[in-house]
Protein backbone atom coordinates (compact mmCIF):
# COMPACT_ATOMS: atom_id res chain seq x y z
CA MET A 1 132.93 112.61 104.94
CA LYS A 2 131.58 113.50 101.68
CA LYS A 3 129.12 115.54 103.13
CA ILE A 4 131.46 117.18 105.06
CA PHE A 5 133.67 118.02 102.52
CA LEU A 6 130.59 119.42 100.54
CA ALA A 7 129.19 121.64 103.76
CA ALA A 8 133.03 123.28 103.71
CA SER A 9 132.97 123.66 99.77
CA ALA A 10 129.65 125.03 99.74
CA LEU A 11 130.42 127.61 102.65
CA PHE A 12 133.55 129.07 101.28
CA LEU A 13 133.16 128.97 97.52
CA ALA A 14 129.55 129.48 97.04
CA THR A 15 128.74 132.42 99.45
CA SER A 16 128.56 135.52 101.85
CA VAL A 17 126.42 138.22 103.55
CA GLN A 18 122.96 139.43 102.58
CA ALA A 19 122.56 142.70 100.32
CA GLN A 20 122.43 146.16 101.48
CA PHE A 21 121.00 146.03 104.68
CA LEU A 22 118.45 142.78 105.16
CA GLY A 23 119.86 140.51 106.93
CA GLN A 24 119.64 136.63 107.30
CA LEU A 25 117.63 136.27 110.61
CA SER A 26 116.73 132.80 110.38
CA ASP A 27 118.85 129.36 110.46
CA ALA A 28 119.36 127.27 107.91
CA ARG A 29 116.34 124.97 107.92
CA VAL A 30 114.39 124.94 104.95
CA LEU A 31 110.28 125.26 106.22
CA ASP A 32 108.40 121.62 105.69
CA PRO A 33 105.71 121.58 102.76
CA GLY A 34 103.05 124.40 103.56
CA ARG A 35 104.42 125.82 106.53
CA SER A 36 104.94 129.43 106.69
CA LEU A 37 107.37 131.88 108.68
CA ILE A 38 106.65 135.53 109.09
CA GLY A 39 109.13 138.22 110.86
CA GLY A 40 109.71 141.55 111.87
CA TYR A 41 112.80 143.16 112.29
CA VAL A 42 115.20 146.32 113.21
CA GLY A 43 118.92 147.16 112.22
CA VAL A 44 121.30 149.45 113.41
CA TYR A 45 124.50 150.26 111.72
CA ASP A 46 127.56 152.20 111.58
CA ASP A 47 127.31 155.91 110.88
CA ASN A 48 123.93 155.79 112.62
CA ALA A 49 121.60 154.09 109.74
CA VAL A 50 118.64 152.25 110.86
CA SER A 51 116.24 150.00 108.95
CA VAL A 52 113.21 148.33 109.80
CA PHE A 53 112.23 145.67 107.36
CA GLY A 54 110.14 142.34 107.64
CA GLN A 55 110.04 138.60 105.77
CA TYR A 56 107.89 135.86 104.73
CA ARG A 57 108.62 132.62 104.01
CA TYR A 58 106.74 129.10 102.73
CA GLY A 59 108.09 125.59 102.40
CA PHE A 60 107.62 124.23 98.80
CA THR A 61 109.18 120.42 99.38
CA GLN A 62 111.20 119.28 102.03
CA ALA A 63 114.38 120.29 100.33
CA VAL A 64 112.99 123.73 99.16
CA ASP A 65 111.80 126.78 100.53
CA GLY A 66 111.54 130.11 99.10
CA GLY A 67 110.77 133.97 100.34
CA PHE A 68 110.90 137.88 99.78
CA LYS A 69 111.77 140.55 102.68
CA MET A 70 110.87 144.42 102.15
CA GLY A 71 112.67 146.93 103.83
CA PHE A 72 113.31 150.69 104.67
CA LEU A 73 116.43 152.11 105.23
CA ASP A 74 117.04 155.75 107.26
CA PRO A 75 120.37 156.51 106.13
CA GLY A 76 121.56 158.71 109.13
CA SER A 77 124.63 160.24 107.74
CA ARG A 78 124.78 158.21 104.90
CA SER A 79 123.72 159.84 101.75
CA ASP A 80 121.22 157.41 100.34
CA GLY A 81 118.24 156.12 102.21
CA GLY A 82 115.50 154.31 100.54
CA VAL A 83 113.36 150.77 99.94
CA ALA A 84 114.65 147.25 99.27
CA LEU A 85 112.65 144.05 97.97
CA ASN A 86 114.23 140.84 98.05
CA GLY A 87 113.22 137.39 96.62
CA ASP A 88 115.06 134.27 97.25
CA ALA A 89 115.05 130.17 97.39
CA ARG A 90 117.09 127.83 99.09
CA TYR A 91 117.78 124.05 98.67
CA GLN A 92 119.04 122.33 101.75
CA ILE A 93 121.78 119.42 101.20
CA MET A 94 122.19 118.63 104.78
CA PHE A 95 119.83 117.78 107.61
CA GLN A 96 120.33 117.45 111.42
CA LYS A 97 117.31 115.47 111.80
CA GLN A 98 118.73 112.76 109.44
CA GLN A 99 121.81 112.58 111.82
CA ASP A 100 123.94 115.09 109.57
CA PRO A 101 126.58 117.42 111.98
CA VAL A 102 124.57 120.50 110.68
CA ASP A 103 121.70 122.02 108.61
CA LEU A 104 123.37 123.48 105.61
CA SER A 105 121.50 125.15 102.41
CA LEU A 106 122.23 126.76 99.46
CA GLY A 107 120.31 129.65 97.97
CA GLY A 108 120.10 132.67 95.62
CA GLY A 109 118.05 135.36 95.03
CA LEU A 110 117.66 138.78 93.41
CA GLU A 111 117.30 142.08 95.26
CA PHE A 112 116.16 145.50 94.05
CA PHE A 113 117.34 149.08 96.23
CA PHE A 114 115.29 152.09 95.25
CA GLY A 115 117.19 155.00 96.91
CA ASP A 116 116.87 158.53 97.27
CA ASN A 117 119.75 158.99 94.50
CA SER A 118 120.67 155.45 93.17
CA THR A 119 119.02 152.33 91.99
CA ILE A 120 120.77 148.80 92.58
CA VAL A 121 120.23 145.72 91.22
CA SER A 122 121.80 142.45 93.38
CA PHE A 123 122.37 138.66 92.41
CA LEU A 124 122.88 137.01 95.58
CA PHE A 125 124.45 133.55 95.96
CA ASN A 126 124.19 132.40 99.64
CA GLY A 127 125.71 129.59 101.80
CA MET A 128 123.84 128.77 105.34
CA VAL A 129 124.73 126.51 107.87
CA SER A 130 123.05 125.99 111.44
CA HIS A 131 123.17 123.80 114.77
CA ARG A 132 120.32 123.28 116.66
CA LEU A 133 120.93 123.01 120.20
CA ALA A 134 118.05 121.74 122.68
CA THR A 135 117.88 122.79 126.19
CA GLN A 136 116.58 120.34 129.20
CA GLY A 137 113.29 122.87 129.18
CA GLY A 138 112.43 122.01 125.76
CA ARG A 139 113.56 125.05 123.97
CA ALA A 140 116.10 125.32 121.66
CA ILE A 141 118.72 127.96 120.53
CA THR A 142 120.39 127.55 117.14
CA PRO A 143 123.79 129.44 116.06
CA TYR A 144 123.76 130.09 112.47
CA GLY A 145 125.82 131.70 109.67
CA ARG A 146 125.75 132.91 106.08
CA MET A 147 128.36 133.69 103.69
CA GLN A 148 127.16 135.73 100.52
CA LEU A 149 128.61 136.62 97.16
CA ARG A 150 126.74 139.62 95.67
CA ILE A 151 126.96 140.92 92.14
CA GLN A 152 125.42 144.27 91.92
CA ARG A 153 124.59 147.28 89.45
CA ASN A 154 124.41 150.62 90.67
CA SER A 155 122.85 153.30 88.40
CA ASN A 156 123.31 156.99 90.05
CA GLY A 157 123.86 158.74 87.16
CA SER A 158 126.24 156.66 85.53
CA THR A 159 126.10 152.64 86.06
CA VAL A 160 128.83 150.09 87.73
CA THR A 161 128.89 146.73 88.26
CA ASP A 162 130.94 145.26 91.01
CA GLY A 163 131.11 142.29 93.40
CA GLU A 164 130.25 142.53 97.03
CA PHE A 165 130.64 139.92 100.06
CA GLY A 166 129.78 139.46 103.38
CA VAL A 167 128.96 137.01 106.28
CA ASN A 168 126.41 136.99 108.99
CA MET A 169 126.48 135.39 112.59
CA GLY A 170 123.42 135.00 115.01
CA GLY A 171 121.36 132.75 116.58
CA GLU A 172 117.71 131.99 116.91
CA PHE A 173 116.33 131.67 120.79
CA GLU A 174 113.12 129.93 120.97
CA MET A 175 110.53 131.50 123.56
CA ALA A 176 107.67 129.43 122.68
CA GLN A 177 106.59 126.64 120.20
CA ALA A 178 106.11 128.94 117.05
CA VAL A 179 108.11 132.05 118.28
CA SER A 180 111.66 132.77 118.09
CA LEU A 181 114.06 135.76 118.90
CA ALA A 182 116.75 136.18 116.18
CA ALA A 183 119.53 138.14 117.10
CA GLU A 184 122.50 138.92 114.20
CA LEU A 185 125.72 140.75 113.52
CA GLN A 186 126.38 141.40 109.56
CA LEU A 187 129.84 142.19 108.29
CA ASP A 188 130.02 143.39 104.86
CA SER A 189 132.16 144.89 102.19
CA SER A 190 129.50 147.74 101.59
CA VAL A 191 128.50 148.18 105.58
CA ASP A 192 131.22 148.02 107.65
CA PHE A 193 128.82 146.43 110.25
CA GLY A 194 125.18 145.97 111.55
CA LEU A 195 123.27 144.52 114.77
CA LEU A 196 119.96 143.24 113.62
CA PHE A 197 117.46 141.80 115.50
CA GLY A 198 113.49 140.77 115.84
CA LEU A 199 110.88 138.12 116.20
CA ASN A 200 110.20 135.06 113.91
CA TYR A 201 106.78 133.32 114.04
CA ARG A 202 106.15 129.64 112.13
CA PHE A 203 102.78 128.41 111.29
């Protein structure tokens, strides 16, 4: 009961979606120590913006991993395209493999967006939950969700600091032992919506 209460509190108080155009694109399980994940993705957003980005993650302990993302945004009808760099770490507090109902992790990070007309620095606070569903064929589908609170400082001639909020909902679909397809819907207070998809490889 205590863990379920902690999970609910974490999701509503500690979190929200990913900054700018970078999504979650993986479930809430941290990587085992010494294990890695690489992924490549494409995002399509409202008003015809398109992104291409990738991530690398590494497991440090049984409960902690970290990673970074880098992406490029073609703004479409937006006024500002550019490059984003993101680094984060997360700590897993619930483990489905230890008979918890879900995997739950909390995380935080820092993101830089270098645009044509502005520079944005964002501090990120995340809560992630997922549940792995094994199929009869031995593969698995893992739906996941993330909430993110983002405090960002925007410099475009003048400097403005504000808060943003978002939610990511998606799933990983195992295609082979180490390869999975990730698909995700992003809802964000600064980006109305985005559809993100790509491949993850764990090794």
